[in-house]
Amino acid sequence: MGIPTVEKMEIYPVAGHDCMELNLSGAHAPYFTRNIVILTDSNGVEGVGEVPGGEKITKALEDVKHLVLGTRIADYKQTLNKVRAWLSANIKDDARGLQTFALLQDCVFRCAKQHSFFIV
């Protein structure tokens, strides 16, 4: 059995009712949006992450799929560096690019953790 690879990247934009309270981004409106990403590797292990929603973030996630699919879980740092470089080159006007990167980093880390490829 070799090192598992990322076989599937699912992106789910979701919305729900929210209360008016302060958070990292200020006061919430009556609704919230989030993007949920599920990465599945060749062994069937799933990593799940979430980040603030919105069309730009959802599109950025879709746009970087080709950089993630087929990569080895053990090479997660190289994969994340490729995603970071792509976001930097292509999403200069969107402050949410770093949050998109953080979401992917979280998903990849969760898959890697299941295989004992821990971040050092």
N, C-alpha and C. Protein backbone atom coordinates (compact mmCIF):
# COMPACT_ATOMS: atom_id res chain seq x y z
N MET A 1 0.84 -1.18 0.00
CA MET A 1 0.00 0.00 0.00
C MET A 1 0.89 1.24 0.00
N GLY A 2 0.72 2.11 -0.99
CA GLY A 2 1.52 3.32 -1.11
C GLY A 2 0.92 4.49 -0.35
N ILE A 3 1.56 5.61 -0.53
CA ILE A 3 1.07 6.83 0.12
C ILE A 3 -0.23 7.26 -0.56
N PRO A 4 -1.28 7.53 0.21
CA PRO A 4 -2.57 7.90 -0.39
C PRO A 4 -2.50 9.24 -1.13
N THR A 5 -3.36 9.36 -2.13
CA THR A 5 -3.48 10.59 -2.90
C THR A 5 -4.89 11.16 -2.76
N VAL A 6 -5.01 12.45 -3.00
CA VAL A 6 -6.32 13.11 -2.95
C VAL A 6 -7.08 12.72 -4.21
N GLU A 7 -8.22 12.06 -4.04
CA GLU A 7 -9.02 11.62 -5.18
C GLU A 7 -10.25 12.48 -5.42
N LYS A 8 -10.74 13.14 -4.38
CA LYS A 8 -11.97 13.91 -4.54
C LYS A 8 -11.90 15.18 -3.69
N MET A 9 -12.39 16.27 -4.25
CA MET A 9 -12.48 17.55 -3.53
C MET A 9 -13.89 18.08 -3.76
N GLU A 10 -14.70 18.01 -2.72
CA GLU A 10 -16.09 18.47 -2.80
C GLU A 10 -16.22 19.82 -2.10
N ILE A 11 -16.92 20.74 -2.73
CA ILE A 11 -17.11 22.07 -2.18
C ILE A 11 -18.60 22.32 -2.03
N TYR A 12 -19.02 22.65 -0.81
CA TYR A 12 -20.44 22.87 -0.52
C TYR A 12 -20.63 24.26 0.08
N PRO A 13 -21.14 25.22 -0.71
CA PRO A 13 -21.53 26.49 -0.11
C PRO A 13 -22.83 26.29 0.67
N VAL A 14 -22.87 26.77 1.89
CA VAL A 14 -24.06 26.61 2.73
C VAL A 14 -24.45 27.96 3.34
N ALA A 15 -25.70 28.06 3.74
CA ALA A 15 -26.20 29.27 4.40
C ALA A 15 -27.17 28.85 5.49
N GLY A 16 -27.31 29.72 6.47
CA GLY A 16 -28.24 29.43 7.55
C GLY A 16 -28.62 30.69 8.29
N HIS A 17 -29.57 30.55 9.18
CA HIS A 17 -30.00 31.68 10.02
C HIS A 17 -28.94 31.93 11.08
N ASP A 18 -28.77 33.19 11.43
CA ASP A 18 -27.78 33.56 12.43
C ASP A 18 -28.37 34.63 13.33
N CYS A 19 -27.79 34.76 14.51
CA CYS A 19 -28.22 35.81 15.42
C CYS A 19 -27.28 37.00 15.30
N MET A 20 -27.69 38.13 15.79
CA MET A 20 -26.87 39.33 15.74
C MET A 20 -25.90 39.30 16.91
N GLU A 21 -24.67 38.93 16.64
CA GLU A 21 -23.65 38.94 17.68
C GLU A 21 -22.31 39.26 17.04
N LEU A 22 -21.41 39.74 17.83
CA LEU A 22 -20.10 40.09 17.32
C LEU A 22 -19.24 38.84 17.14
N ASN A 23 -18.45 38.85 16.10
CA ASN A 23 -17.47 37.79 15.88
C ASN A 23 -16.23 38.39 15.27
N LEU A 24 -15.34 37.60 14.75
CA LEU A 24 -14.09 38.07 14.18
C LEU A 24 -14.30 39.12 13.09
N SER A 25 -15.37 38.98 12.32
CA SER A 25 -15.62 39.89 11.19
C SER A 25 -16.64 40.97 11.52
N GLY A 26 -17.03 41.13 12.76
CA GLY A 26 -18.01 42.14 13.14
C GLY A 26 -19.35 41.53 13.45
N ALA A 27 -20.40 42.32 13.35
CA ALA A 27 -21.74 41.84 13.65
C ALA A 27 -22.29 41.05 12.46
N HIS A 28 -22.99 39.98 12.76
CA HIS A 28 -23.59 39.15 11.73
C HIS A 28 -24.91 39.73 11.26
N ALA A 29 -25.22 39.45 10.03
CA ALA A 29 -26.55 39.73 9.49
C ALA A 29 -27.47 38.58 9.92
N PRO A 30 -28.72 38.60 9.50
CA PRO A 30 -29.63 37.52 9.91
C PRO A 30 -29.26 36.15 9.30
N TYR A 31 -28.38 36.14 8.31
CA TYR A 31 -27.96 34.89 7.68
C TYR A 31 -26.43 34.83 7.63
N PHE A 32 -25.90 33.62 7.57
CA PHE A 32 -24.47 33.45 7.39
C PHE A 32 -24.24 32.52 6.20
N THR A 33 -23.09 32.65 5.58
CA THR A 33 -22.70 31.73 4.50
C THR A 33 -21.34 31.16 4.84
N ARG A 34 -21.13 29.92 4.49
CA ARG A 34 -19.86 29.22 4.71
C ARG A 34 -19.59 28.34 3.50
N ASN A 35 -18.34 27.96 3.34
CA ASN A 35 -17.95 26.96 2.36
C ASN A 35 -17.39 25.78 3.13
N ILE A 36 -17.92 24.62 2.86
CA ILE A 36 -17.44 23.38 3.45
C ILE A 36 -16.70 22.63 2.35
N VAL A 37 -15.49 22.17 2.64
CA VAL A 37 -14.72 21.38 1.69
C VAL A 37 -14.43 20.03 2.31
N ILE A 38 -14.66 18.98 1.53
CA ILE A 38 -14.33 17.63 1.96
C ILE A 38 -13.34 17.05 0.96
N LEU A 39 -12.15 16.70 1.45
CA LEU A 39 -11.16 16.01 0.64
C LEU A 39 -11.23 14.53 0.98
N THR A 40 -11.22 13.68 -0.03
CA THR A 40 -11.21 12.24 0.18
C THR A 40 -9.98 11.67 -0.49
N ASP A 41 -9.22 10.86 0.27
CA ASP A 41 -8.02 10.28 -0.31
C ASP A 41 -8.28 8.87 -0.84
N SER A 42 -7.26 8.28 -1.43
CA SER A 42 -7.39 6.97 -2.07
C SER A 42 -7.67 5.83 -1.10
N ASN A 43 -7.52 6.08 0.20
CA ASN A 43 -7.89 5.08 1.21
C ASN A 43 -9.29 5.33 1.77
N GLY A 44 -9.97 6.35 1.27
CA GLY A 44 -11.30 6.67 1.75
C GLY A 44 -11.33 7.58 2.96
N VAL A 45 -10.17 8.03 3.42
CA VAL A 45 -10.10 8.95 4.57
C VAL A 45 -10.54 10.33 4.11
N GLU A 46 -11.38 10.98 4.93
CA GLU A 46 -11.87 12.31 4.60
C GLU A 46 -11.32 13.36 5.55
N GLY A 47 -11.02 14.51 5.00
CA GLY A 47 -10.65 15.69 5.77
C GLY A 47 -11.67 16.77 5.48
N VAL A 48 -12.19 17.41 6.53
CA VAL A 48 -13.25 18.41 6.36
C VAL A 48 -12.78 19.73 6.94
N GLY A 49 -13.06 20.81 6.23
CA GLY A 49 -12.74 22.15 6.71
C GLY A 49 -13.82 23.12 6.29
N GLU A 50 -13.83 24.30 6.90
CA GLU A 50 -14.82 25.32 6.55
C GLU A 50 -14.20 26.70 6.69
N VAL A 51 -14.79 27.62 5.94
CA VAL A 51 -14.32 29.00 5.89
C VAL A 51 -15.50 29.89 5.53
N PRO A 52 -15.42 31.21 5.77
CA PRO A 52 -16.53 32.08 5.36
C PRO A 52 -16.94 31.85 3.91
N GLY A 53 -18.20 32.10 3.65
CA GLY A 53 -18.74 31.84 2.32
C GLY A 53 -18.64 33.03 1.39
N GLY A 54 -19.32 32.89 0.30
CA GLY A 54 -19.34 33.92 -0.72
C GLY A 54 -18.91 33.36 -2.06
N GLU A 55 -19.41 33.98 -3.13
CA GLU A 55 -19.14 33.48 -4.47
C GLU A 55 -17.66 33.50 -4.82
N LYS A 56 -16.93 34.52 -4.39
CA LYS A 56 -15.51 34.61 -4.74
C LYS A 56 -14.71 33.48 -4.11
N ILE A 57 -15.00 33.16 -2.87
CA ILE A 57 -14.27 32.08 -2.20
C ILE A 57 -14.64 30.73 -2.82
N THR A 58 -15.93 30.52 -3.09
CA THR A 58 -16.35 29.27 -3.73
C THR A 58 -15.66 29.10 -5.07
N LYS A 59 -15.60 30.17 -5.86
CA LYS A 59 -14.94 30.11 -7.17
C LYS A 59 -13.45 29.83 -7.01
N ALA A 60 -12.80 30.46 -6.04
CA ALA A 60 -11.37 30.22 -5.82
C ALA A 60 -11.12 28.76 -5.46
N LEU A 61 -11.98 28.19 -4.66
CA LEU A 61 -11.83 26.78 -4.30
C LEU A 61 -11.99 25.89 -5.53
N GLU A 62 -12.98 26.19 -6.36
CA GLU A 62 -13.16 25.43 -7.59
C GLU A 62 -11.93 25.59 -8.50
N ASP A 63 -11.39 26.80 -8.54
CA ASP A 63 -10.26 27.08 -9.43
C ASP A 63 -8.97 26.36 -9.03
N VAL A 64 -8.82 26.02 -7.76
CA VAL A 64 -7.57 25.35 -7.33
C VAL A 64 -7.70 23.84 -7.25
N LYS A 65 -8.86 23.30 -7.59
CA LYS A 65 -9.04 21.85 -7.54
C LYS A 65 -7.94 21.10 -8.30
N HIS A 66 -7.60 21.61 -9.49
CA HIS A 66 -6.60 20.93 -10.31
C HIS A 66 -5.23 20.87 -9.64
N LEU A 67 -4.98 21.76 -8.69
CA LEU A 67 -3.71 21.74 -7.95
C LEU A 67 -3.72 20.74 -6.80
N VAL A 68 -4.91 20.33 -6.38
CA VAL A 68 -5.06 19.45 -5.22
C VAL A 68 -5.29 18.00 -5.62
N LEU A 69 -6.16 17.78 -6.60
CA LEU A 69 -6.50 16.42 -7.00
C LEU A 69 -5.28 15.68 -7.54
N GLY A 70 -5.12 14.44 -7.09
CA GLY A 70 -4.02 13.61 -7.55
C GLY A 70 -2.73 13.76 -6.76
N THR A 71 -2.70 14.71 -5.82
CA THR A 71 -1.47 14.91 -5.04
C THR A 71 -1.40 13.92 -3.89
N ARG A 72 -0.18 13.58 -3.51
CA ARG A 72 0.03 12.66 -2.39
C ARG A 72 -0.18 13.41 -1.08
N ILE A 73 -0.87 12.76 -0.14
CA ILE A 73 -1.11 13.36 1.17
C ILE A 73 0.21 13.73 1.84
N ALA A 74 1.23 12.91 1.69
CA ALA A 74 2.53 13.17 2.31
C ALA A 74 3.18 14.42 1.75
N ASP A 75 2.75 14.87 0.57
CA ASP A 75 3.32 16.06 -0.07
C ASP A 75 2.46 17.29 0.17
N TYR A 76 1.71 17.30 1.28
CA TYR A 76 0.76 18.37 1.52
C TYR A 76 1.40 19.75 1.55
N LYS A 77 2.63 19.86 2.04
CA LYS A 77 3.27 21.18 2.10
C LYS A 77 3.50 21.73 0.69
N GLN A 78 3.95 20.88 -0.22
CA GLN A 78 4.15 21.31 -1.61
C GLN A 78 2.81 21.69 -2.26
N THR A 79 1.78 20.90 -1.98
CA THR A 79 0.45 21.20 -2.52
C THR A 79 -0.03 22.55 -2.01
N LEU A 80 0.11 22.78 -0.72
CA LEU A 80 -0.33 24.05 -0.14
C LEU A 80 0.47 25.22 -0.69
N ASN A 81 1.76 25.02 -0.92
CA ASN A 81 2.58 26.08 -1.52
C ASN A 81 2.11 26.42 -2.93
N LYS A 82 1.72 25.40 -3.71
CA LYS A 82 1.20 25.64 -5.06
C LYS A 82 -0.12 26.41 -4.98
N VAL A 83 -0.98 26.03 -4.04
CA VAL A 83 -2.26 26.73 -3.88
C VAL A 83 -2.01 28.17 -3.45
N ARG A 84 -1.11 28.37 -2.49
CA ARG A 84 -0.79 29.73 -2.02
C ARG A 84 -0.29 30.59 -3.18
N ALA A 85 0.59 30.04 -4.01
CA ALA A 85 1.14 30.79 -5.14
C ALA A 85 0.04 31.13 -6.14
N TRP A 86 -0.85 30.17 -6.41
CA TRP A 86 -1.94 30.42 -7.35
C TRP A 86 -2.85 31.52 -6.82
N LEU A 87 -3.22 31.45 -5.55
CA LEU A 87 -4.09 32.47 -4.97
C LEU A 87 -3.44 33.84 -5.01
N SER A 88 -2.15 33.88 -4.70
CA SER A 88 -1.42 35.14 -4.71
C SER A 88 -1.38 35.76 -6.10
N ALA A 89 -1.21 34.92 -7.11
CA ALA A 89 -1.11 35.41 -8.49
C ALA A 89 -2.47 35.76 -9.10
N ASN A 90 -3.54 35.16 -8.61
CA ASN A 90 -4.83 35.29 -9.28
C ASN A 90 -5.93 35.98 -8.48
N ILE A 91 -5.71 36.21 -7.19
CA ILE A 91 -6.77 36.82 -6.37
C ILE A 91 -6.19 37.98 -5.56
N LYS A 92 -5.59 38.91 -6.23
CA LYS A 92 -4.95 40.04 -5.56
C LYS A 92 -5.95 41.01 -4.93
N ASP A 93 -7.14 41.13 -5.51
CA ASP A 93 -8.11 42.12 -5.04
C ASP A 93 -9.08 41.56 -4.00
N ASP A 94 -8.85 40.34 -3.55
CA ASP A 94 -9.81 39.72 -2.63
C ASP A 94 -9.12 39.34 -1.34
N ALA A 95 -9.44 40.03 -0.25
CA ALA A 95 -8.81 39.77 1.05
C ALA A 95 -9.14 38.39 1.58
N ARG A 96 -10.15 37.73 1.05
CA ARG A 96 -10.54 36.41 1.53
C ARG A 96 -9.65 35.30 0.98
N GLY A 97 -8.72 35.62 0.11
CA GLY A 97 -7.84 34.60 -0.44
C GLY A 97 -7.08 33.82 0.62
N LEU A 98 -6.62 34.51 1.65
CA LEU A 98 -5.90 33.84 2.73
C LEU A 98 -6.81 32.90 3.50
N GLN A 99 -8.08 33.27 3.66
CA GLN A 99 -9.01 32.38 4.34
C GLN A 99 -9.28 31.14 3.50
N THR A 100 -9.32 31.31 2.18
CA THR A 100 -9.49 30.16 1.30
C THR A 100 -8.31 29.22 1.46
N PHE A 101 -7.11 29.78 1.50
CA PHE A 101 -5.91 28.97 1.69
C PHE A 101 -5.96 28.25 3.03
N ALA A 102 -6.38 28.95 4.08
CA ALA A 102 -6.45 28.34 5.41
C ALA A 102 -7.42 27.17 5.42
N LEU A 103 -8.52 27.29 4.68
CA LEU A 103 -9.49 26.19 4.59
C LEU A 103 -8.85 24.95 3.98
N LEU A 104 -8.18 25.13 2.84
CA LEU A 104 -7.54 23.99 2.19
C LEU A 104 -6.46 23.39 3.08
N GLN A 105 -5.71 24.25 3.76
CA GLN A 105 -4.67 23.77 4.66
C GLN A 105 -5.28 22.90 5.75
N ASP A 106 -6.40 23.32 6.29
CA ASP A 106 -7.08 22.56 7.34
C ASP A 106 -7.56 21.20 6.82
N CYS A 107 -8.15 21.17 5.63
CA CYS A 107 -8.63 19.91 5.05
C CYS A 107 -7.48 18.94 4.80
N VAL A 108 -6.40 19.45 4.19
CA VAL A 108 -5.25 18.60 3.88
C VAL A 108 -4.62 18.10 5.18
N PHE A 109 -4.52 18.98 6.17
CA PHE A 109 -3.94 18.56 7.45
C PHE A 109 -4.75 17.43 8.08
N ARG A 110 -6.07 17.53 8.02
CA ARG A 110 -6.92 16.49 8.62
C ARG A 110 -6.72 15.14 7.93
N CYS A 111 -6.59 15.15 6.60
CA CYS A 111 -6.31 13.89 5.89
C CYS A 111 -4.93 13.37 6.29
N ALA A 112 -3.94 14.27 6.32
CA ALA A 112 -2.58 13.86 6.66
C ALA A 112 -2.50 13.31 8.07
N LYS A 113 -3.22 13.93 9.00
CA LYS A 113 -3.21 13.48 10.39
C LYS A 113 -3.72 12.05 10.52
N GLN A 114 -4.72 11.70 9.72
CA GLN A 114 -5.26 10.34 9.75
C GLN A 114 -4.21 9.31 9.34
N HIS A 115 -3.21 9.75 8.58
CA HIS A 115 -2.15 8.84 8.11
C HIS A 115 -0.84 9.05 8.85
N SER A 116 -0.86 9.81 9.93
CA SER A 116 0.32 10.11 10.73
C SER A 116 1.37 10.92 9.99
N PHE A 117 0.97 11.73 9.01
CA PHE A 117 1.88 12.67 8.37
C PHE A 117 1.67 14.02 9.08
N PHE A 118 2.22 14.15 10.26
CA PHE A 118 1.97 15.33 11.10
C PHE A 118 2.81 16.51 10.66
N ILE A 119 2.25 17.70 10.83
CA ILE A 119 2.98 18.94 10.57
C ILE A 119 4.02 19.12 11.67
N VAL A 120 5.25 19.38 11.27
CA VAL A 120 6.33 19.56 12.24
C VAL A 120 6.62 21.04 12.39
